[in-house]
C-alpha atoms as a PDB file:
ATOM      1  CA  MET A   1       0.000   0.000   0.000  1.00  0.00           C
ATOM      2  CA  ASP A   2       2.872   2.390   0.758  1.00  0.00           C
ATOM      3  CA  ARG A   3       4.262   1.905  -2.755  1.00  0.00           C
ATOM      4  CA  LYS A   4       1.061   3.320  -4.220  1.00  0.00           C
ATOM      5  CA  ARG A   5       1.688   6.666  -2.538  1.00  0.00           C
ATOM      6  CA  PRO A   6       3.286   9.137  -4.999  1.00  0.00           C
ATOM      7  CA  GLY A   7       5.986  10.286  -2.591  1.00  0.00           C
ATOM      8  CA  VAL A   8       7.084   6.752  -1.707  1.00  0.00           C
ATOM      9  CA  ARG A   9       6.994   5.649  -5.340  1.00  0.00           C
ATOM     10  CA  ILE A  10       9.185   8.565  -6.468  1.00  0.00           C
ATOM     11  CA  TRP A  11      11.816   8.139  -3.739  1.00  0.00           C
ATOM     12  CA  LEU A  12      11.828   4.378  -4.210  1.00  0.00           C
ATOM     13  CA  GLY A  13      12.442   4.846  -7.940  1.00  0.00           C
ATOM     14  CA  ILE A  14      15.292   7.265  -7.225  1.00  0.00           C
ATOM     15  CA  TRP A  15      16.968   4.853  -4.817  1.00  0.00           C
ATOM     16  CA  GLN A  16      16.562   1.958  -7.244  1.00  0.00           C
ATOM     17  CA  ALA A  17      18.132   4.042 -10.019  1.00  0.00           C
ATOM     18  CA  LEU A  18      21.055   5.000  -7.759  1.00  0.00           C
ATOM     19  CA  VAL A  19      21.648   1.397  -6.711  1.00  0.00           C
ATOM     20  CA  LEU A  20      21.503   0.231 -10.325  1.00  0.00           C
ATOM     21  CA  ALA A  21      23.931   2.963 -11.378  1.00  0.00           C
ATOM     22  CA  GLY A  22      26.315   1.969  -8.575  1.00  0.00           C
ATOM     23  CA  LEU A  23      26.190  -1.688  -9.584  1.00  0.00           C
ATOM     24  CA  LEU A  24      26.865  -0.778 -13.208  1.00  0.00           C
ATOM     25  CA  VAL A  25      29.876   1.323 -12.220  1.00  0.00           C
ATOM     26  CA  VAL A  26      31.298  -1.444 -10.044  1.00  0.00           C
ATOM     27  CA  ALA A  27      30.667  -4.178 -12.621  1.00  0.00           C
ATOM     28  CA  LEU A  28      31.413  -2.411 -15.902  1.00  0.00           C
ATOM     29  CA  GLY A  29      33.880   0.228 -14.705  1.00  0.00           C
ATOM     30  CA  PRO A  30      36.997  -1.987 -14.644  1.00  0.00           C
ATOM     31  CA  LEU A  31      36.126  -3.569 -17.975  1.00  0.00           C
ATOM     32  CA  LEU A  32      35.536  -0.192 -19.641  1.00  0.00           C
ATOM     33  CA  TRP A  33      38.768   1.161 -18.193  1.00  0.00           C
ATOM     34  CA  LEU A  34      40.672  -1.859 -19.478  1.00  0.00           C
ATOM     35  CA  PHE A  35      39.253  -1.315 -22.968  1.00  0.00           C
ATOM     36  CA  LYS A  36      40.205   2.361 -22.793  1.00  0.00           C
ATOM     37  CA  ALA A  37      43.744   1.461 -21.714  1.00  0.00           C
ATOM     38  CA  SER A  38      44.053  -1.170 -24.448  1.00  0.00           C
ATOM     39  CA  VAL A  39      43.404   1.422 -27.200  1.00  0.00           C
ATOM     40  CA  SER A  40      45.542   4.170 -25.644  1.00  0.00           C
ATOM     41  CA  SER A  41      49.255   4.864 -25.654  1.00  0.00           C
ATOM     42  CA  SER A  42      51.470   3.928 -22.729  1.00  0.00           C
ATOM     43  CA  GLN A  43      52.206   7.612 -22.035  1.00  0.00           C
ATOM     44  CA  GLU A  44      48.499   8.421 -21.784  1.00  0.00           C
ATOM     45  CA  ILE A  45      47.884   5.574 -19.356  1.00  0.00           C
ATOM     46  CA  LEU A  46      50.729   6.717 -17.107  1.00  0.00           C
ATOM     47  CA  MET A  47      49.850  10.420 -17.266  1.00  0.00           C
ATOM     48  CA  ASP A  48      46.178   9.973 -16.331  1.00  0.00           C
ATOM     49  CA  PRO A  49      45.609   6.392 -15.153  1.00  0.00           C
ATOM     50  CA  PHE A  50      42.058   7.020 -13.868  1.00  0.00           C
ATOM     51  CA  ALA A  51      40.741   8.609 -17.065  1.00  0.00           C
ATOM     52  CA  MET A  52      37.835   6.759 -18.677  1.00  0.00           C
ATOM     53  CA  LEU A  53      38.021   8.493 -22.073  1.00  0.00           C
ATOM     54  CA  VAL A  54      40.731   8.333 -24.704  1.00  0.00           C
ATOM     55  CA  SER A  55      42.209  11.801 -25.240  1.00  0.00           C
ATOM     56  CA  GLY A  56      44.131  10.886 -28.383  1.00  0.00           C
ATOM     57  CA  GLU A  57      43.464   8.528 -31.264  1.00  0.00           C
ATOM     58  CA  PHE A  58      42.168   5.011 -30.770  1.00  0.00           C
ATOM     59  CA  GLN A  59      45.148   2.726 -31.245  1.00  0.00           C
ATOM     60  CA  VAL A  60      43.307  -0.343 -32.462  1.00  0.00           C
ATOM     61  CA  GLU A  61      46.616  -1.704 -33.723  1.00  0.00           C
ATOM     62  CA  ASN A  62      47.425  -2.530 -30.104  1.00  0.00           C
ATOM     63  CA  PHE A  63      45.258  -5.621 -30.439  1.00  0.00           C
ATOM     64  CA  VAL A  64      47.122  -6.654 -33.596  1.00  0.00           C
ATOM     65  CA  ARG A  65      50.465  -6.198 -31.851  1.00  0.00           C
ATOM     66  CA  ALA A  66      49.221  -8.178 -28.867  1.00  0.00           C
ATOM     67  CA  TRP A  67      48.152 -10.979 -31.184  1.00  0.00           C
ATOM     68  CA  THR A  68      51.458 -11.096 -33.087  1.00  0.00           C
ATOM     69  CA  GLU A  69      54.143  -9.920 -30.660  1.00  0.00           C
ATOM     70  CA  VAL A  70      52.783 -11.477 -27.478  1.00  0.00           C
ATOM     71  CA  ARG A  71      51.416 -14.530 -29.344  1.00  0.00           C
ATOM     72  CA  ILE A  72      48.045 -14.233 -27.683  1.00  0.00           C
ATOM     73  CA  GLY A  73      46.573 -16.616 -30.248  1.00  0.00           C
ATOM     74  CA  ASP A  74      48.939 -19.433 -29.223  1.00  0.00           C
ATOM     75  CA  TYR A  75      48.257 -18.909 -25.536  1.00  0.00           C
ATOM     76  CA  LEU A  76      44.514 -18.784 -26.148  1.00  0.00           C
ATOM     77  CA  LEU A  77      44.778 -22.109 -27.996  1.00  0.00           C
ATOM     78  CA  ASN A  78      46.642 -23.615 -25.038  1.00  0.00           C
ATOM     79  CA  THR A  79      43.959 -22.235 -22.734  1.00  0.00           C
ATOM     80  CA  ALA A  80      41.273 -23.773 -24.930  1.00  0.00           C
ATOM     81  CA  TRP A  81      42.914 -27.193 -24.566  1.00  0.00           C
ATOM     82  CA  VAL A  82      43.067 -26.776 -20.796  1.00  0.00           C
ATOM     83  CA  VAL A  83      39.439 -25.622 -20.605  1.00  0.00           C
ATOM     84  CA  ILE A  84      37.989 -28.272 -22.939  1.00  0.00           C
ATOM     85  CA  GLY A  85      39.817 -31.136 -21.256  1.00  0.00           C
ATOM     86  CA  SER A  86      38.908 -29.897 -17.783  1.00  0.00           C
ATOM     87  CA  CYS A  87      35.267 -29.486 -18.779  1.00  0.00           C
ATOM     88  CA  VAL A  88      34.991 -32.991 -20.239  1.00  0.00           C
ATOM     89  CA  ALA A  89      36.773 -34.592 -17.284  1.00  0.00           C
ATOM     90  CA  THR A  90      34.671 -32.656 -14.771  1.00  0.00           C
ATOM     91  CA  LEU A  91      31.383 -33.530 -16.452  1.00  0.00           C
ATOM     92  CA  LEU A  92      32.350 -37.201 -16.579  1.00  0.00           C
ATOM     93  CA  THR A  93      33.301 -37.261 -12.898  1.00  0.00           C
ATOM     94  CA  CYS A  94      30.373 -35.196 -11.627  1.00  0.00           C
ATOM     95  CA  THR A  95      27.636 -36.981 -13.564  1.00  0.00           C
ATOM     96  CA  THR A  96      28.830 -40.491 -12.777  1.00  0.00           C
ATOM     97  CA  GLY A  97      29.598 -39.639  -9.145  1.00  0.00           C
ATOM     98  CA  GLY A  98      26.270 -37.875  -8.662  1.00  0.00           C
ATOM     99  CA  TYR A  99      24.450 -40.769 -10.349  1.00  0.00           C
ATOM    100  CA  VAL A 100      26.004 -43.313  -7.999  1.00  0.00           C
ATOM    101  CA  LEU A 101      25.255 -41.283  -4.879  1.00  0.00           C
ATOM    102  CA  SER A 102      21.767 -40.144  -5.848  1.00  0.00           C
ATOM    103  CA  VAL A 103      20.241 -42.885  -8.006  1.00  0.00           C
ATOM    104  CA  LEU A 104      22.112 -46.156  -7.482  1.00  0.00           C
ATOM    105  CA  ARG A 105      22.575 -45.504  -3.740  1.00  0.00           C
ATOM    106  CA  PRO A 106      24.845 -48.398  -2.713  1.00  0.00           C
ATOM    107  CA  LYS A 107      25.067 -49.536   0.905  1.00  0.00           C
ATOM    108  CA  TRP A 108      28.205 -47.476   1.453  1.00  0.00           C
ATOM    109  CA  GLY A 109      26.679 -44.446  -0.268  1.00  0.00           C
ATOM    110  CA  ALA A 110      26.206 -42.456   2.929  1.00  0.00           C
ATOM    111  CA  LEU A 111      29.836 -43.019   3.922  1.00  0.00           C
ATOM    112  CA  LEU A 112      31.025 -42.004   0.462  1.00  0.00           C
ATOM    113  CA  SER A 113      28.866 -38.882   0.491  1.00  0.00           C
ATOM    114  CA  GLY A 114      30.325 -37.932   3.844  1.00  0.00           C
ATOM    115  CA  ALA A 115      33.855 -38.490   2.557  1.00  0.00           C
ATOM    116  CA  VAL A 116      33.180 -36.301  -0.485  1.00  0.00           C
ATOM    117  CA  LEU A 117      31.696 -33.606   1.733  1.00  0.00           C
ATOM    118  CA  ALA A 118      34.672 -33.791   4.100  1.00  0.00           C
ATOM    119  CA  THR A 119      37.097 -32.905   1.307  1.00  0.00           C
ATOM    120  CA  LEU A 120      35.468 -29.471   1.076  1.00  0.00           C
ATOM    121  CA  PHE A 121      36.984 -28.622   4.473  1.00  0.00           C
ATOM    122  CA  ILE A 122      40.544 -29.327   3.277  1.00  0.00           C
ATOM    123  CA  PRO A 123      42.255 -26.145   2.002  1.00  0.00           C
ATOM    124  CA  ASN A 124      43.636 -26.461  -1.497  1.00  0.00           C
ATOM    125  CA  ILE A 125      47.080 -25.365  -0.357  1.00  0.00           C
ATOM    126  CA  VAL A 126      47.270 -28.373   1.984  1.00  0.00           C
ATOM    127  CA  SER A 127      46.830 -30.852  -0.859  1.00  0.00           C
ATOM    128  CA  LEU A 128      49.108 -28.954  -3.242  1.00  0.00           C
ATOM    129  CA  VAL A 129      52.345 -30.778  -2.413  1.00  0.00           C
ATOM    130  CA  PRO A 130      50.857 -34.334  -2.364  1.00  0.00           C
ATOM    131  CA  LEU A 131      49.062 -33.631  -5.611  1.00  0.00           C
ATOM    132  CA  TYR A 132      52.237 -32.311  -7.212  1.00  0.00           C
ATOM    133  CA  LEU A 133      54.196 -35.392  -6.107  1.00  0.00           C
ATOM    134  CA  THR A 134      51.451 -37.571  -7.574  1.00  0.00           C
ATOM    135  CA  VAL A 135      51.692 -35.758 -10.905  1.00  0.00           C
ATOM    136  CA  ILE A 136      55.476 -36.160 -11.009  1.00  0.00           C
ATOM    137  CA  GLU A 137      55.118 -39.934 -10.701  1.00  0.00           C
ATOM    138  CA  MET A 138      51.752 -41.617 -10.340  1.00  0.00           C
ATOM    139  CA  PRO A 139      51.828 -44.318  -7.644  1.00  0.00           C
ATOM    140  CA  GLY A 140      51.674 -47.875  -8.955  1.00  0.00           C
ATOM    141  CA  THR A 141      52.133 -46.923 -12.601  1.00  0.00           C
ATOM    142  CA  GLY A 142      55.244 -44.776 -12.749  1.00  0.00           C
ATOM    143  CA  TRP A 143      53.602 -42.477 -15.300  1.00  0.00           C
ATOM    144  CA  ARG A 144      54.876 -38.918 -15.376  1.00  0.00           C
ATOM    145  CA  LEU A 145      52.140 -36.403 -16.080  1.00  0.00           C
ATOM    146  CA  LEU A 146      54.327 -33.348 -15.547  1.00  0.00           C
ATOM    147  CA  ASP A 147      54.323 -30.955 -18.527  1.00  0.00           C
ATOM    148  CA  THR A 148      51.248 -32.618 -20.039  1.00  0.00           C
ATOM    149  CA  TYR A 149      47.680 -31.381 -20.090  1.00  0.00           C
ATOM    150  CA  TRP A 150      46.613 -34.463 -18.165  1.00  0.00           C
ATOM    151  CA  ALA A 151      48.294 -32.915 -15.129  1.00  0.00           C
ATOM    152  CA  VAL A 152      45.704 -30.109 -15.315  1.00  0.00           C
ATOM    153  CA  TRP A 153      42.680 -32.053 -16.522  1.00  0.00           C
ATOM    154  CA  LEU A 154      42.629 -34.809 -13.909  1.00  0.00           C
ATOM    155  CA  PRO A 155      42.945 -32.644 -10.752  1.00  0.00           C
ATOM    156  CA  ASN A 156      40.314 -30.236 -12.092  1.00  0.00           C
ATOM    157  CA  ALA A 157      37.910 -33.149 -12.543  1.00  0.00           C
ATOM    158  CA  ALA A 158      38.002 -34.003  -8.833  1.00  0.00           C
ATOM    159  CA  SER A 159      35.639 -31.293  -7.620  1.00  0.00           C
ATOM    160  CA  ALA A 160      33.631 -32.365  -4.595  1.00  0.00           C
ATOM    161  CA  PHE A 161      31.575 -29.177  -4.722  1.00  0.00           C
ATOM    162  CA  LEU A 162      30.357 -29.848  -8.258  1.00  0.00           C
ATOM    163  CA  VAL A 163      29.704 -33.519  -7.516  1.00  0.00           C
ATOM    164  CA  LEU A 164      27.415 -32.544  -4.654  1.00  0.00           C
ATOM    165  CA  ILE A 165      25.649 -29.938  -6.798  1.00  0.00           C
ATOM    166  CA  VAL A 166      24.932 -32.530  -9.486  1.00  0.00           C
ATOM    167  CA  LYS A 167      23.846 -35.054  -6.858  1.00  0.00           C
ATOM    168  CA  ARG A 168      21.382 -32.550  -5.425  1.00  0.00           C
ATOM    169  CA  PHE A 169      19.940 -31.950  -8.879  1.00  0.00           C
ATOM    170  CA  PHE A 170      19.585 -35.694  -9.478  1.00  0.00           C
ATOM    171  CA  ASP A 171      17.744 -35.942  -6.160  1.00  0.00           C
ATOM    172  CA  GLN A 172      15.019 -33.684  -7.607  1.00  0.00           C
ATOM    173  CA  ILE A 173      14.242 -36.082 -10.472  1.00  0.00           C
ATOM    174  CA  PRO A 174      11.042 -38.033  -9.633  1.00  0.00           C
ATOM    175  CA  PRO A 175      11.899 -41.628  -8.626  1.00  0.00           C
ATOM    176  CA  ASP A 176       8.854 -42.839 -10.587  1.00  0.00           C
ATOM    177  CA  LEU A 177      10.812 -42.282 -13.788  1.00  0.00           C
ATOM    178  CA  TYR A 178      13.513 -44.687 -12.639  1.00  0.00           C
ATOM    179  CA  GLU A 179      10.964 -47.294 -11.572  1.00  0.00           C
ATOM    180  CA  ALA A 180       9.136 -47.079 -14.895  1.00  0.00           C
ATOM    181  CA  ALA A 181      12.410 -47.470 -16.784  1.00  0.00           C
ATOM    182  CA  ARG A 182      13.428 -50.471 -14.691  1.00  0.00           C
ATOM    183  CA  ILE A 183      10.036 -52.100 -15.272  1.00  0.00           C
ATOM    184  CA  ASP A 184      10.582 -51.670 -19.000  1.00  0.00           C
ATOM    185  CA  GLY A 185      13.873 -53.537 -18.647  1.00  0.00           C
ATOM    186  CA  ALA A 186      16.299 -50.598 -18.674  1.00  0.00           C
ATOM    187  CA  GLY A 187      19.546 -51.166 -16.822  1.00  0.00           C
ATOM    188  CA  PRO A 188      21.569 -48.574 -14.872  1.00  0.00           C
ATOM    189  CA  VAL A 189      23.532 -47.490 -17.949  1.00  0.00           C
ATOM    190  CA  ARG A 190      20.381 -47.082 -20.030  1.00  0.00           C
ATOM    191  CA  VAL A 191      18.695 -45.091 -17.247  1.00  0.00           C
ATOM    192  CA  PHE A 192      21.740 -42.855 -16.981  1.00  0.00           C
ATOM    193  CA  PHE A 193      21.928 -42.001 -20.679  1.00  0.00           C
ATOM    194  CA  SER A 194      18.221 -42.049 -21.547  1.00  0.00           C
ATOM    195  CA  ILE A 195      16.646 -40.389 -18.496  1.00  0.00           C
ATOM    196  CA  VAL A 196      19.147 -38.721 -16.191  1.00  0.00           C
ATOM    197  CA  LEU A 197      21.348 -36.903 -18.698  1.00  0.00           C
ATOM    198  CA  PRO A 198      18.518 -35.527 -20.893  1.00  0.00           C
ATOM    199  CA  LEU A 199      16.796 -34.106 -17.792  1.00  0.00           C
ATOM    200  CA  SER A 200      20.028 -32.640 -16.455  1.00  0.00           C
ATOM    201  CA  ARG A 201      20.878 -30.193 -19.210  1.00  0.00           C
ATOM    202  CA  PRO A 202      20.443 -27.092 -16.982  1.00  0.00           C
ATOM    203  CA  ILE A 203      22.818 -28.299 -14.277  1.00  0.00           C
ATOM    204  CA  LEU A 204      25.269 -29.628 -16.855  1.00  0.00           C
ATOM    205  CA  GLY A 205      25.382 -26.151 -18.356  1.00  0.00           C
ATOM    206  CA  VAL A 206      26.058 -24.638 -14.929  1.00  0.00           C
ATOM    207  CA  VAL A 207      28.841 -27.128 -14.200  1.00  0.00           C
ATOM    208  CA  SER A 208      30.372 -26.542 -17.614  1.00  0.00           C
ATOM    209  CA  LEU A 209      30.336 -22.774 -17.213  1.00  0.00           C
ATOM    210  CA  LEU A 210      31.798 -22.891 -13.701  1.00  0.00           C
ATOM    211  CA  THR A 211      34.518 -25.267 -14.869  1.00  0.00           C
ATOM    212  CA  ILE A 212      35.360 -23.118 -17.888  1.00  0.00           C
ATOM    213  CA  ILE A 213      35.682 -19.956 -15.817  1.00  0.00           C
ATOM    214  CA  SER A 214      37.705 -21.704 -13.112  1.00  0.00           C
ATOM    215  CA  ALA A 215      40.097 -23.344 -15.586  1.00  0.00           C
ATOM    216  CA  TRP A 216      40.424 -20.111 -17.593  1.00  0.00           C
ATOM    217  CA  LYS A 217      41.599 -18.029 -14.629  1.00  0.00           C
ATOM    218  CA  ASP A 218      43.611 -20.686 -12.782  1.00  0.00           C
ATOM    219  CA  TYR A 219      47.217 -19.610 -12.347  1.00  0.00           C
ATOM    220  CA  LEU A 220      49.134 -21.486  -9.652  1.00  0.00           C
ATOM    221  CA  TRP A 221      48.535 -25.100 -10.676  1.00  0.00           C
ATOM    222  CA  PRO A 222      49.226 -24.664 -14.434  1.00  0.00           C
ATOM    223  CA  LEU A 223      52.348 -22.689 -13.491  1.00  0.00           C
ATOM    224  CA  LEU A 224      53.638 -25.681 -11.502  1.00  0.00           C
ATOM    225  CA  VAL A 225      52.772 -28.550 -13.843  1.00  0.00           C
ATOM    226  CA  LEU A 226      53.259 -26.876 -17.250  1.00  0.00           C
ATOM    227  CA  PRO A 227      56.827 -25.518 -17.239  1.00  0.00           C
ATOM    228  CA  SER A 228      57.096 -25.438 -21.045  1.00  0.00           C
ATOM    229  CA  ALA A 229      56.163 -22.042 -22.454  1.00  0.00           C
ATOM    230  CA  ASP A 230      54.567 -23.561 -25.553  1.00  0.00           C
ATOM    231  CA  LYS A 231      51.973 -25.357 -23.390  1.00  0.00           C
ATOM    232  CA  GLN A 232      51.147 -22.669 -20.838  1.00  0.00           C
ATOM    233  CA  PRO A 233      47.686 -21.061 -20.806  1.00  0.00           C
ATOM    234  CA  ILE A 234      47.217 -17.331 -21.052  1.00  0.00           C
ATOM    235  CA  SER A 235      46.811 -16.888 -17.288  1.00  0.00           C
ATOM    236  CA  VAL A 236      50.396 -18.107 -16.811  1.00  0.00           C
ATOM    237  CA  ALA A 237      51.987 -16.635 -19.921  1.00  0.00           C
ATOM    238  CA  LEU A 238      50.840 -13.017 -19.568  1.00  0.00           C
ATOM    239  CA  PRO A 239      52.501 -12.316 -16.195  1.00  0.00           C
ATOM    240  CA  LYS A 240      55.763 -13.726 -17.553  1.00  0.00           C
ATOM    241  CA  VAL A 241      55.858 -11.428 -20.587  1.00  0.00           C
ATOM    242  CA  ALA A 242      54.483  -8.365 -18.775  1.00  0.00           C
ATOM    243  CA  ASP A 243      57.951  -6.903 -18.158  1.00  0.00           C
ATOM    244  CA  THR A 244      59.033  -7.259 -21.783  1.00  0.00           C
ATOM    245  CA  ILE A 245      56.148  -5.508 -23.577  1.00  0.00           C
ATOM    246  CA  PRO A 246      54.801  -1.922 -23.487  1.00  0.00           C
ATOM    247  CA  LEU A 247      52.057  -1.119 -21.014  1.00  0.00           C
ATOM    248  CA  ASN A 248      49.368  -0.506 -23.653  1.00  0.00           C
ATOM    249  CA  ILE A 249      50.138  -3.829 -25.367  1.00  0.00           C
ATOM    250  CA  GLN A 250      49.904  -5.522 -21.999  1.00  0.00           C
ATOM    251  CA  MET A 251      46.454  -3.972 -21.432  1.00  0.00           C
ATOM    252  CA  ALA A 252      45.338  -5.057 -24.902  1.00  0.00           C
ATOM    253  CA  SER A 253      46.498  -8.593 -24.138  1.00  0.00           C
ATOM    254  CA  LEU A 254      44.562  -8.603 -20.862  1.00  0.00           C
ATOM    255  CA  PHE A 255      41.420  -7.382 -22.610  1.00  0.00           C
ATOM    256  CA  LEU A 256      41.655 -10.160 -25.203  1.00  0.00           C
ATOM    257  CA  ALA A 257      42.180 -12.651 -22.380  1.00  0.00           C
ATOM    258  CA  ILE A 258      39.045 -11.725 -20.402  1.00  0.00           C
ATOM    259  CA  ILE A 259      36.629 -10.903 -23.215  1.00  0.00           C
ATOM    260  CA  ILE A 260      36.120 -14.587 -24.134  1.00  0.00           C
ATOM    261  CA  PRO A 261      34.869 -15.847 -20.715  1.00  0.00           C
ATOM    262  CA  ILE A 262      32.715 -12.732 -20.357  1.00  0.00           C
ATOM    263  CA  THR A 263      31.178 -13.387 -23.771  1.00  0.00           C
ATOM    264  CA  LEU A 264      30.500 -17.025 -22.848  1.00  0.00           C
ATOM    265  CA  PHE A 265      28.703 -15.952 -19.680  1.00  0.00           C
ATOM    266  CA  LEU A 266      26.586 -13.388 -21.527  1.00  0.00           C
ATOM    267  CA  LEU A 267      25.618 -15.958 -24.172  1.00  0.00           C
ATOM    268  CA  PHE A 268      24.663 -18.650 -21.657  1.00  0.00           C
ATOM    269  CA  GLN A 269      23.536 -16.562 -18.696  1.00  0.00           C
ATOM    270  CA  LYS A 270      19.951 -17.736 -19.087  1.00  0.00           C
ATOM    271  CA  GLN A 271      20.953 -21.389 -18.778  1.00  0.00           C
ATOM    272  CA  PHE A 272      23.278 -20.526 -15.902  1.00  0.00           C
ATOM    273  CA  LEU A 273      20.623 -18.693 -13.897  1.00  0.00           C
ATOM    274  CA  GLU A 274      17.997 -21.340 -14.593  1.00  0.00           C
ATOM    275  CA  GLY A 275      20.271 -24.180 -13.578  1.00  0.00           C
ATOM    276  CA  ALA A 276      21.656 -22.395 -10.508  1.00  0.00           C
ATOM    277  CA  GLY A 277      18.379 -22.974  -8.688  1.00  0.00           C
ATOM    278  CA  THR A 278      18.584 -26.715  -8.620  1.00  0.00           C
ATOM    279  CA  SER A 279      15.673 -27.164  -6.235  1.00  0.00           C
ATOM    280  CA  GLY A 280      12.433 -27.412  -8.129  1.00  0.00           C
ATOM    281  CA  ALA A 281      14.200 -27.505 -11.473  1.00  0.00           C
ATOM    282  CA  VAL A 282      12.526 -30.782 -12.373  1.00  0.00           C
ATOM    283  CA  LYS A 283       8.772 -30.905 -12.033  1.00  0.00           C
ATOM    284  CA  GLY A 284       6.807 -34.077 -11.663  1.00  0.00           C
END
């Protein structure tokens, strides 16, 4: 009733506009500044670092120089390999793990769920050294994964958080569907591919997007396990070449590095927001 009063409605609209403007400044301000810096000269960036407008000419050739001199294209290709492999490995682990815990429910399922949940309380830095020693020489096999993309893909696939998210989504699928499939003679594999996966597209999109963003920005682990420069992703390569290139070329390289994950989020934000609310996502 208060919102129907003219005075309340006007002040409420003003406050909403101010909050929206503040959120836009906080969210888009750094990105707009980075674009401005990427098309400016190094002298202009240093003279007025907080300026949001280009005082001189737009130096679009900065992007060309970043692509050729810094070899952004090669590093983006390496990043694509890291992201694609991590995404496939994560989806395979999360869907099969969530299916076992949620649908098959073995006798030791509760113990396994508790063990998976317990790993969330272990800081990543604690497991860094054991994981690195495992990558150097895998126990029982003697395989050396160091300086291969497998050293990045396999650890990224072991995400307890994403396994539990997928499990929770599978819990929302009506059990009657499983019973009907079993009555028709469908086995666990058939149920998984014919019922569970088709109904899980929203959460699979969320897991994929979270994995892509996480693998794209990861720095420490690829730095340790990918010492060869020709295999390093862009998150590792750019800090190494920052001291050898002009400031404006460095800004142009950073803009090219972040524009791809931002574009992916904007293209698939609907699927991300729909799948983020896993409860009630599947209706009976």
